[in-house]
Amino acid sequence: PEVARSLGKGIVEFKRGIKGVQDELNSVVDPRTPARPP
């Protein structure tokens, strides 16, 4: 259970990081789109 919990937290952090990179790329490509607040 402890290993599964830490694996789940890692996946959530990974998805959050990917979302941040996507938002940053979208703001560079189209500066008119407002960046979402974290």
PDB file of all heavy atoms in Angstrom:
ATOM      1  N   PRO A   1       0.819  -1.225   0.000  1.00  0.00           N
ATOM      2  CA  PRO A   1       0.000   0.000   0.000  1.00  0.00           C
ATOM      3  C   PRO A   1       0.851   1.273   0.000  1.00  0.00           C
ATOM      4  O   PRO A   1       0.522   2.248  -0.675  1.00  0.00           O
ATOM      5  CB  PRO A   1      -0.815  -0.110   1.288  1.00  0.00           C
ATOM      6  CG  PRO A   1      -0.837  -1.554   1.610  1.00  0.00           C
ATOM      7  CD  PRO A   1       0.465  -2.106   1.106  1.00  0.00           C
ATOM      8  N   GLU A   2       1.945   1.251   0.744  1.00  0.00           N
ATOM      9  CA  GLU A   2       2.825   2.421   0.789  1.00  0.00           C
ATOM     10  C   GLU A   2       3.468   2.667  -0.575  1.00  0.00           C
ATOM     11  O   GLU A   2       3.545   3.806  -1.044  1.00  0.00           O
ATOM     12  CB  GLU A   2       3.905   2.177   1.844  1.00  0.00           C
ATOM     13  CG  GLU A   2       4.902   3.297   1.978  1.00  0.00           C
ATOM     14  CD  GLU A   2       5.990   2.941   2.985  1.00  0.00           C
ATOM     15  OE1 GLU A   2       5.694   2.226   3.960  1.00  0.00           O
ATOM     16  OE2 GLU A   2       7.123   3.378   2.770  1.00  0.00           O
ATOM     17  N   VAL A   3       3.902   1.598  -1.235  1.00  0.00           N
ATOM     18  CA  VAL A   3       4.513   1.721  -2.562  1.00  0.00           C
ATOM     19  C   VAL A   3       3.485   2.234  -3.564  1.00  0.00           C
ATOM     20  O   VAL A   3       3.784   3.128  -4.369  1.00  0.00           O
ATOM     21  CB  VAL A   3       5.101   0.367  -3.010  1.00  0.00           C
ATOM     22  CG1 VAL A   3       5.509   0.393  -4.460  1.00  0.00           C
ATOM     23  CG2 VAL A   3       6.278  -0.016  -2.131  1.00  0.00           C
ATOM     24  N   ALA A   4       2.261   1.720  -3.513  1.00  0.00           N
ATOM     25  CA  ALA A   4       1.213   2.166  -4.432  1.00  0.00           C
ATOM     26  C   ALA A   4       0.869   3.629  -4.199  1.00  0.00           C
ATOM     27  O   ALA A   4       0.658   4.389  -5.149  1.00  0.00           O
ATOM     28  CB  ALA A   4      -0.028   1.294  -4.266  1.00  0.00           C
ATOM     29  N   ARG A   5       0.833   4.044  -2.923  1.00  0.00           N
ATOM     30  CA  ARG A   5       0.524   5.438  -2.607  1.00  0.00           C
ATOM     31  C   ARG A   5       1.607   6.373  -3.168  1.00  0.00           C
ATOM     32  O   ARG A   5       1.309   7.400  -3.778  1.00  0.00           O
ATOM     33  CB  ARG A   5       0.409   5.603  -1.095  1.00  0.00           C
ATOM     34  CG  ARG A   5      -0.190   6.913  -0.658  1.00  0.00           C
ATOM     35  CD  ARG A   5      -0.397   6.953   0.858  1.00  0.00           C
ATOM     36  NE  ARG A   5      -1.236   5.854   1.320  1.00  0.00           N
ATOM     37  CZ  ARG A   5      -0.837   4.896   2.152  1.00  0.00           C
ATOM     38  NH1 ARG A   5       0.381   4.909   2.650  1.00  0.00           N
ATOM     39  NH2 ARG A   5      -1.661   3.938   2.521  1.00  0.00           N
ATOM     40  N   SER A   6       2.870   6.005  -2.963  1.00  0.00           N
ATOM     41  CA  SER A   6       3.950   6.863  -3.466  1.00  0.00           C
ATOM     42  C   SER A   6       3.973   6.863  -4.993  1.00  0.00           C
ATOM     43  O   SER A   6       4.267   7.884  -5.613  1.00  0.00           O
ATOM     44  CB  SER A   6       5.295   6.418  -2.903  1.00  0.00           C
ATOM     45  OG  SER A   6       5.617   5.120  -3.337  1.00  0.00           O
ATOM     46  N   LEU A   7       3.643   5.733  -5.618  1.00  0.00           N
ATOM     47  CA  LEU A   7       3.563   5.682  -7.073  1.00  0.00           C
ATOM     48  C   LEU A   7       2.445   6.599  -7.575  1.00  0.00           C
ATOM     49  O   LEU A   7       2.624   7.339  -8.549  1.00  0.00           O
ATOM     50  CB  LEU A   7       3.311   4.248  -7.536  1.00  0.00           C
ATOM     51  CG  LEU A   7       3.234   4.019  -9.034  1.00  0.00           C
ATOM     52  CD1 LEU A   7       4.571   4.313  -9.686  1.00  0.00           C
ATOM     53  CD2 LEU A   7       2.810   2.595  -9.321  1.00  0.00           C
ATOM     54  N   GLY A   8       1.307   6.592  -6.893  1.00  0.00           N
ATOM     55  CA  GLY A   8       0.201   7.468  -7.270  1.00  0.00           C
ATOM     56  C   GLY A   8       0.562   8.938  -7.140  1.00  0.00           C
ATOM     57  O   GLY A   8       0.240   9.756  -8.000  1.00  0.00           O
ATOM     58  N   LYS A   9       1.257   9.294  -6.035  1.00  0.00           N
ATOM     59  CA  LYS A   9       1.685  10.679  -5.855  1.00  0.00           C
ATOM     60  C   LYS A   9       2.660  11.087  -6.947  1.00  0.00           C
ATOM     61  O   LYS A   9       2.621  12.209  -7.452  1.00  0.00           O
ATOM     62  CB  LYS A   9       2.334  10.863  -4.483  1.00  0.00           C
ATOM     63  CG  LYS A   9       1.346  10.861  -3.349  1.00  0.00           C
ATOM     64  CD  LYS A   9       2.045  11.054  -2.022  1.00  0.00           C
ATOM     65  CE  LYS A   9       1.062  11.006  -0.872  1.00  0.00           C
ATOM     66  NZ  LYS A   9       1.735  11.154   0.427  1.00  0.00           N
ATOM     67  N   GLY A  10       3.537  10.167  -7.330  1.00  0.00           N
ATOM     68  CA  GLY A  10       4.487  10.456  -8.401  1.00  0.00           C
ATOM     69  C   GLY A  10       3.799  10.704  -9.723  1.00  0.00           C
ATOM     70  O   GLY A  10       4.172  11.609 -10.473  1.00  0.00           O
ATOM     71  N   ILE A  11       2.774   9.907 -10.009  1.00  0.00           N
ATOM     72  CA  ILE A  11       2.031  10.087 -11.259  1.00  0.00           C
ATOM     73  C   ILE A  11       1.308  11.427 -11.265  1.00  0.00           C
ATOM     74  O   ILE A  11       1.294  12.141 -12.272  1.00  0.00           O
ATOM     75  CB  ILE A  11       1.040   8.914 -11.469  1.00  0.00           C
ATOM     76  CG1 ILE A  11       1.822   7.637 -11.776  1.00  0.00           C
ATOM     77  CG2 ILE A  11       0.044   9.222 -12.576  1.00  0.00           C
ATOM     78  CD1 ILE A  11       0.970   6.387 -11.805  1.00  0.00           C
ATOM     79  N   VAL A  12       0.714  11.808 -10.121  1.00  0.00           N
ATOM     80  CA  VAL A  12       0.017  13.095 -10.028  1.00  0.00           C
ATOM     81  C   VAL A  12       1.002  14.249 -10.242  1.00  0.00           C
ATOM     82  O   VAL A  12       0.714  15.199 -10.977  1.00  0.00           O
ATOM     83  CB  VAL A  12      -0.706  13.221  -8.668  1.00  0.00           C
ATOM     84  CG1 VAL A  12      -1.167  14.642  -8.418  1.00  0.00           C
ATOM     85  CG2 VAL A  12      -1.883  12.272  -8.607  1.00  0.00           C
ATOM     86  N   GLU A  13       2.177  14.176  -9.619  1.00  0.00           N
ATOM     87  CA  GLU A  13       3.177  15.231  -9.796  1.00  0.00           C
ATOM     88  C   GLU A  13       3.650  15.291 -11.250  1.00  0.00           C
ATOM     89  O   GLU A  13       3.868  16.370 -11.796  1.00  0.00           O
ATOM     90  CB  GLU A  13       4.372  14.986  -8.862  1.00  0.00           C
ATOM     91  CG  GLU A  13       4.071  15.272  -7.410  1.00  0.00           C
ATOM     92  CD  GLU A  13       3.729  16.726  -7.152  1.00  0.00           C
ATOM     93  OE1 GLU A  13       4.342  17.622  -7.778  1.00  0.00           O
ATOM     94  OE2 GLU A  13       2.835  16.975  -6.331  1.00  0.00           O
ATOM     95  N   PHE A  14       3.821  14.129 -11.876  1.00  0.00           N
ATOM     96  CA  PHE A  14       4.238  14.091 -13.272  1.00  0.00           C
ATOM     97  C   PHE A  14       3.192  14.761 -14.163  1.00  0.00           C
ATOM     98  O   PHE A  14       3.526  15.586 -15.017  1.00  0.00           O
ATOM     99  CB  PHE A  14       4.463  12.639 -13.706  1.00  0.00           C
ATOM    100  CG  PHE A  14       4.856  12.491 -15.147  1.00  0.00           C
ATOM    101  CD1 PHE A  14       6.141  12.817 -15.553  1.00  0.00           C
ATOM    102  CD2 PHE A  14       3.949  12.034 -16.078  1.00  0.00           C
ATOM    103  CE1 PHE A  14       6.508  12.684 -16.880  1.00  0.00           C
ATOM    104  CE2 PHE A  14       4.298  11.897 -17.398  1.00  0.00           C
ATOM    105  CZ  PHE A  14       5.592  12.223 -17.806  1.00  0.00           C
ATOM    106  N   LYS A  15       1.909  14.429 -13.951  1.00  0.00           N
ATOM    107  CA  LYS A  15       0.842  15.045 -14.743  1.00  0.00           C
ATOM    108  C   LYS A  15       0.784  16.551 -14.525  1.00  0.00           C
ATOM    109  O   LYS A  15       0.557  17.320 -15.460  1.00  0.00           O
ATOM    110  CB  LYS A  15      -0.512  14.424 -14.391  1.00  0.00           C
ATOM    111  CG  LYS A  15      -0.709  13.050 -14.960  1.00  0.00           C
ATOM    112  CD  LYS A  15      -2.091  12.528 -14.610  1.00  0.00           C
ATOM    113  CE  LYS A  15      -2.337  11.168 -15.216  1.00  0.00           C
ATOM    114  NZ  LYS A  15      -3.690  10.670 -14.899  1.00  0.00           N
ATOM    115  N   ARG A  16       1.000  16.981 -13.273  1.00  0.00           N
ATOM    116  CA  ARG A  16       0.985  18.416 -12.964  1.00  0.00           C
ATOM    117  C   ARG A  16       2.130  19.122 -13.698  1.00  0.00           C
ATOM    118  O   ARG A  16       1.967  20.216 -14.223  1.00  0.00           O
ATOM    119  CB  ARG A  16       1.106  18.615 -11.455  1.00  0.00           C
ATOM    120  CG  ARG A  16       0.835  20.045 -11.025  1.00  0.00           C
ATOM    121  CD  ARG A  16       0.817  20.163  -9.523  1.00  0.00           C
ATOM    122  NE  ARG A  16      -0.350  19.456  -8.999  1.00  0.00           N
ATOM    123  CZ  ARG A  16      -0.379  18.836  -7.838  1.00  0.00           C
ATOM    124  NH1 ARG A  16       0.689  18.818  -7.067  1.00  0.00           N
ATOM    125  NH2 ARG A  16      -1.465  18.232  -7.433  1.00  0.00           N
ATOM    126  N   GLY A  17       3.294  18.474 -13.721  1.00  0.00           N
ATOM    127  CA  GLY A  17       4.433  19.052 -14.433  1.00  0.00           C
ATOM    128  C   GLY A  17       4.182  19.138 -15.924  1.00  0.00           C
ATOM    129  O   GLY A  17       4.508  20.142 -16.570  1.00  0.00           O
ATOM    130  N   ILE A  18       3.598  18.097 -16.506  1.00  0.00           N
ATOM    131  CA  ILE A  18       3.278  18.105 -17.936  1.00  0.00           C
ATOM    132  C   ILE A  18       2.268  19.202 -18.242  1.00  0.00           C
ATOM    133  O   ILE A  18       2.395  19.911 -19.244  1.00  0.00           O
ATOM    134  CB  ILE A  18       2.731  16.722 -18.369  1.00  0.00           C
ATOM    135  CG1 ILE A  18       3.808  15.660 -18.271  1.00  0.00           C
ATOM    136  CG2 ILE A  18       2.160  16.769 -19.775  1.00  0.00           C
ATOM    137  CD1 ILE A  18       4.975  15.869 -19.214  1.00  0.00           C
ATOM    138  N   LYS A  19       1.285  19.373 -17.360  1.00  0.00           N
ATOM    139  CA  LYS A  19       0.275  20.416 -17.573  1.00  0.00           C
ATOM    140  C   LYS A  19       0.917  21.806 -17.548  1.00  0.00           C
ATOM    141  O   LYS A  19       0.571  22.671 -18.347  1.00  0.00           O
ATOM    142  CB  LYS A  19      -0.811  20.302 -16.489  1.00  0.00           C
ATOM    143  CG  LYS A  19      -1.999  21.168 -16.738  1.00  0.00           C
ATOM    144  CD  LYS A  19      -2.752  20.667 -17.932  1.00  0.00           C
ATOM    145  CE  LYS A  19      -4.067  21.374 -18.043  1.00  0.00           C
ATOM    146  NZ  LYS A  19      -4.680  21.139 -19.335  1.00  0.00           N
ATOM    147  N   GLY A  20       1.871  21.993 -16.623  1.00  0.00           N
ATOM    148  CA  GLY A  20       2.569  23.278 -16.563  1.00  0.00           C
ATOM    149  C   GLY A  20       3.360  23.556 -17.824  1.00  0.00           C
ATOM    150  O   GLY A  20       3.379  24.680 -18.338  1.00  0.00           O
ATOM    151  N   VAL A  21       4.024  22.539 -18.364  1.00  0.00           N
ATOM    152  CA  VAL A  21       4.784  22.706 -19.609  1.00  0.00           C
ATOM    153  C   VAL A  21       3.842  23.005 -20.760  1.00  0.00           C
ATOM    154  O   VAL A  21       4.117  23.878 -21.593  1.00  0.00           O
ATOM    155  CB  VAL A  21       5.635  21.439 -19.888  1.00  0.00           C
ATOM    156  CG1 VAL A  21       6.223  21.475 -21.274  1.00  0.00           C
ATOM    157  CG2 VAL A  21       6.721  21.282 -18.848  1.00  0.00           C
ATOM    158  N   GLN A  22       2.694  22.305 -20.813  1.00  0.00           N
ATOM    159  CA  GLN A  22       1.722  22.567 -21.871  1.00  0.00           C
ATOM    160  C   GLN A  22       1.191  23.997 -21.791  1.00  0.00           C
ATOM    161  O   GLN A  22       1.066  24.677 -22.818  1.00  0.00           O
ATOM    162  CB  GLN A  22       0.550  21.591 -21.774  1.00  0.00           C
ATOM    163  CG  GLN A  22       0.855  20.210 -22.279  1.00  0.00           C
ATOM    164  CD  GLN A  22      -0.333  19.279 -22.122  1.00  0.00           C
ATOM    165  OE1 GLN A  22      -1.256  19.553 -21.354  1.00  0.00           O
ATOM    166  NE2 GLN A  22      -0.295  18.161 -22.826  1.00  0.00           N
ATOM    167  N   ASP A  23       0.873  24.462 -20.587  1.00  0.00           N
ATOM    168  CA  ASP A  23       0.383  25.835 -20.425  1.00  0.00           C
ATOM    169  C   ASP A  23       1.436  26.842 -20.863  1.00  0.00           C
ATOM    170  O   ASP A  23       1.124  27.846 -21.504  1.00  0.00           O
ATOM    171  CB  ASP A  23      -0.017  26.090 -18.976  1.00  0.00           C
ATOM    172  CG  ASP A  23      -1.298  25.371 -18.588  1.00  0.00           C
ATOM    173  OD1 ASP A  23      -2.006  24.876 -19.502  1.00  0.00           O
ATOM    174  OD2 ASP A  23      -1.586  25.277 -17.382  1.00  0.00           O
ATOM    175  N   GLU A  24       2.694  26.574 -20.500  1.00  0.00           N
ATOM    176  CA  GLU A  24       3.774  27.483 -20.888  1.00  0.00           C
ATOM    177  C   GLU A  24       3.950  27.512 -22.396  1.00  0.00           C
ATOM    178  O   GLU A  24       4.101  28.582 -22.996  1.00  0.00           O
ATOM    179  CB  GLU A  24       5.068  27.048 -20.209  1.00  0.00           C
ATOM    180  CG  GLU A  24       6.195  28.033 -20.362  1.00  0.00           C
ATOM    181  CD  GLU A  24       7.411  27.617 -19.560  1.00  0.00           C
ATOM    182  OE1 GLU A  24       7.243  27.040 -18.471  1.00  0.00           O
ATOM    183  OE2 GLU A  24       8.528  27.869 -20.045  1.00  0.00           O
ATOM    184  N   LEU A  25       3.892  26.343 -23.033  1.00  0.00           N
ATOM    185  CA  LEU A  25       4.008  26.294 -24.487  1.00  0.00           C
ATOM    186  C   LEU A  25       2.839  27.000 -25.155  1.00  0.00           C
ATOM    187  O   LEU A  25       3.024  27.718 -26.143  1.00  0.00           O
ATOM    188  CB  LEU A  25       4.080  24.843 -24.966  1.00  0.00           C
ATOM    189  CG  LEU A  25       5.414  24.141 -24.786  1.00  0.00           C
ATOM    190  CD1 LEU A  25       5.304  22.679 -25.191  1.00  0.00           C
ATOM    191  CD2 LEU A  25       6.496  24.827 -25.587  1.00  0.00           C
ATOM    192  N   ASN A  26       1.637  26.803 -24.638  1.00  0.00           N
ATOM    193  CA  ASN A  26       0.468  27.471 -25.211  1.00  0.00           C
ATOM    194  C   ASN A  26       0.569  28.987 -25.085  1.00  0.00           C
ATOM    195  O   ASN A  26       0.180  29.718 -25.986  1.00  0.00           O
ATOM    196  CB  ASN A  26      -0.812  26.973 -24.541  1.00  0.00           C
ATOM    197  CG  ASN A  26      -1.168  25.563 -24.958  1.00  0.00           C
ATOM    198  OD1 ASN A  26      -0.693  25.068 -25.978  1.00  0.00           O
ATOM    199  ND2 ASN A  26      -1.988  24.911 -24.152  1.00  0.00           N
ATOM    200  N   SER A  27       1.110  29.478 -23.965  1.00  0.00           N
ATOM    201  CA  SER A  27       1.232  30.926 -23.803  1.00  0.00           C
ATOM    202  C   SER A  27       2.310  31.493 -24.719  1.00  0.00           C
ATOM    203  O   SER A  27       2.224  32.639 -25.147  1.00  0.00           O
ATOM    204  CB  SER A  27       1.527  31.278 -22.349  1.00  0.00           C
ATOM    205  OG  SER A  27       2.803  30.806 -21.976  1.00  0.00           O
ATOM    206  N   VAL A  28       3.332  30.714 -25.047  1.00  0.00           N
ATOM    207  CA  VAL A  28       4.373  31.176 -25.972  1.00  0.00           C
ATOM    208  C   VAL A  28       3.847  31.163 -27.398  1.00  0.00           C
ATOM    209  O   VAL A  28       4.072  32.101 -28.157  1.00  0.00           O
ATOM    210  CB  VAL A  28       5.643  30.290 -25.843  1.00  0.00           C
ATOM    211  CG1 VAL A  28       6.612  30.566 -26.967  1.00  0.00           C
ATOM    212  CG2 VAL A  28       6.299  30.511 -24.496  1.00  0.00           C
ATOM    213  N   VAL A  29       3.116  30.108 -27.767  1.00  0.00           N
ATOM    214  CA  VAL A  29       2.600  29.977 -29.125  1.00  0.00           C
ATOM    215  C   VAL A  29       1.506  31.004 -29.390  1.00  0.00           C
ATOM    216  O   VAL A  29       1.501  31.675 -30.411  1.00  0.00           O
ATOM    217  CB  VAL A  29       2.079  28.538 -29.370  1.00  0.00           C
ATOM    218  CG1 VAL A  29       1.333  28.443 -30.683  1.00  0.00           C
ATOM    219  CG2 VAL A  29       3.219  27.549 -29.328  1.00  0.00           C
ATOM    220  N   ASP A  30       0.580  31.154 -28.471  1.00  0.00           N
ATOM    221  CA  ASP A  30      -0.529  32.091 -28.634  1.00  0.00           C
ATOM    222  C   ASP A  30      -0.599  32.970 -27.386  1.00  0.00           C
ATOM    223  O   ASP A  30      -1.255  32.612 -26.407  1.00  0.00           O
ATOM    224  CB  ASP A  30      -1.845  31.335 -28.845  1.00  0.00           C
ATOM    225  CG  ASP A  30      -2.996  32.259 -29.214  1.00  0.00           C
ATOM    226  OD1 ASP A  30      -2.740  33.458 -29.480  1.00  0.00           O
ATOM    227  OD2 ASP A  30      -4.141  31.776 -29.239  1.00  0.00           O
ATOM    228  N   PRO A  31       0.077  34.131 -27.396  1.00  0.00           N
ATOM    229  CA  PRO A  31       0.112  34.978 -26.195  1.00  0.00           C
ATOM    230  C   PRO A  31      -1.248  35.561 -25.809  1.00  0.00           C
ATOM    231  O   PRO A  31      -1.410  36.076 -24.722  1.00  0.00           O
ATOM    232  CB  PRO A  31       1.102  36.082 -26.541  1.00  0.00           C
ATOM    233  CG  PRO A  31       1.421  35.954 -27.975  1.00  0.00           C
ATOM    234  CD  PRO A  31       0.872  34.671 -28.474  1.00  0.00           C
ATOM    235  N   ARG A  32      -2.244  35.472 -26.696  1.00  0.00           N
ATOM    236  CA  ARG A  32      -3.560  36.015 -26.360  1.00  0.00           C
ATOM    237  C   ARG A  32      -4.304  35.147 -25.365  1.00  0.00           C
ATOM    238  O   ARG A  32      -5.192  35.627 -24.673  1.00  0.00           O
ATOM    239  CB  ARG A  32      -4.416  36.162 -27.628  1.00  0.00           C
ATOM    240  CG  ARG A  32      -3.871  37.216 -28.578  1.00  0.00           C
ATOM    241  CD  ARG A  32      -4.690  37.269 -29.834  1.00  0.00           C
ATOM    242  NE  ARG A  32      -4.426  36.034 -30.580  1.00  0.00           N
ATOM    243  CZ  ARG A  32      -5.271  35.451 -31.407  1.00  0.00           C
ATOM    244  NH1 ARG A  32      -6.443  35.986 -31.624  1.00  0.00           N
ATOM    245  NH2 ARG A  32      -4.975  34.346 -32.032  1.00  0.00           N
ATOM    246  N   THR A  33      -3.963  33.874 -25.295  1.00  0.00           N
ATOM    247  CA  THR A  33      -4.658  33.000 -24.343  1.00  0.00           C
ATOM    248  C   THR A  33      -4.110  33.261 -22.950  1.00  0.00           C
ATOM    249  O   THR A  33      -2.897  33.248 -22.733  1.00  0.00           O
ATOM    250  CB  THR A  33      -4.458  31.513 -24.699  1.00  0.00           C
ATOM    251  OG1 THR A  33      -3.071  31.231 -24.733  1.00  0.00           O
ATOM    252  CG2 THR A  33      -5.082  31.165 -26.015  1.00  0.00           C
ATOM    253  N   PRO A  34      -4.994  33.531 -22.001  1.00  0.00           N
ATOM    254  CA  PRO A  34      -4.517  33.802 -20.646  1.00  0.00           C
ATOM    255  C   PRO A  34      -3.984  32.529 -19.992  1.00  0.00           C
ATOM    256  O   PRO A  34      -4.542  31.446 -20.155  1.00  0.00           O
ATOM    257  CB  PRO A  34      -5.760  34.308 -19.916  1.00  0.00           C
ATOM    258  CG  PRO A  34      -6.900  33.724 -20.678  1.00  0.00           C
ATOM    259  CD  PRO A  34      -6.436  33.601 -22.108  1.00  0.00           C
ATOM    260  N   ALA A  35      -2.888  32.685 -19.293  1.00  0.00           N
ATOM    261  CA  ALA A  35      -2.326  31.547 -18.564  1.00  0.00           C
ATOM    262  C   ALA A  35      -3.199  31.264 -17.350  1.00  0.00           C
ATOM    263  O   ALA A  35      -3.637  32.177 -16.659  1.00  0.00           O
ATOM    264  CB  ALA A  35      -0.898  31.852 -18.142  1.00  0.00           C
ATOM    265  N   ARG A  36      -3.469  30.017 -17.118  1.00  0.00           N
ATOM    266  CA  ARG A  36      -4.259  29.647 -15.950  1.00  0.00           C
ATOM    267  C   ARG A  36      -3.436  29.836 -14.691  1.00  0.00           C
ATOM    268  O   ARG A  36      -2.260  29.488 -14.671  1.00  0.00           O
ATOM    269  CB  ARG A  36      -4.690  28.194 -16.040  1.00  0.00           C
ATOM    270  CG  ARG A  36      -5.852  27.997 -16.962  1.00  0.00           C
ATOM    271  CD  ARG A  36      -6.315  26.582 -16.884  1.00  0.00           C
ATOM    272  NE  ARG A  36      -5.868  25.953 -18.125  1.00  0.00           N
ATOM    273  CZ  ARG A  36      -5.850  24.671 -18.337  1.00  0.00           C
ATOM    274  NH1 ARG A  36      -6.207  23.843 -17.406  1.00  0.00           N
ATOM    275  NH2 ARG A  36      -5.451  24.181 -19.477  1.00  0.00           N
ATOM    276  N   PRO A  37      -4.039  30.378 -13.642  1.00  0.00           N
ATOM    277  CA  PRO A  37      -3.287  30.489 -12.394  1.00  0.00           C
ATOM    278  C   PRO A  37      -3.026  29.087 -11.830  1.00  0.00           C
ATOM    279  O   PRO A  37      -3.839  28.185 -12.024  1.00  0.00           O
ATOM    280  CB  PRO A  37      -4.208  31.286 -11.470  1.00  0.00           C
ATOM    281  CG  PRO A  37      -5.566  31.112 -12.047  1.00  0.00           C
ATOM    282  CD  PRO A  37      -5.384  30.896 -13.523  1.00  0.00           C
ATOM    283  N   PRO A  38      -1.893  28.902 -11.177  1.00  0.00           N
ATOM    284  CA  PRO A  38      -1.619  27.571 -10.629  1.00  0.00           C
ATOM    285  C   PRO A  38      -2.646  27.192  -9.579  1.00  0.00           C
ATOM    286  O   PRO A  38      -3.120  28.036  -8.825  1.00  0.00           O
ATOM    287  CB  PRO A  38      -0.221  27.711 -10.016  1.00  0.00           C
ATOM    288  CG  PRO A  38      -0.018  29.164  -9.836  1.00  0.00           C
ATOM    289  CD  PRO A  38      -0.863  29.856 -10.859  1.00  0.00           C
TER     290      PRO A  38
END
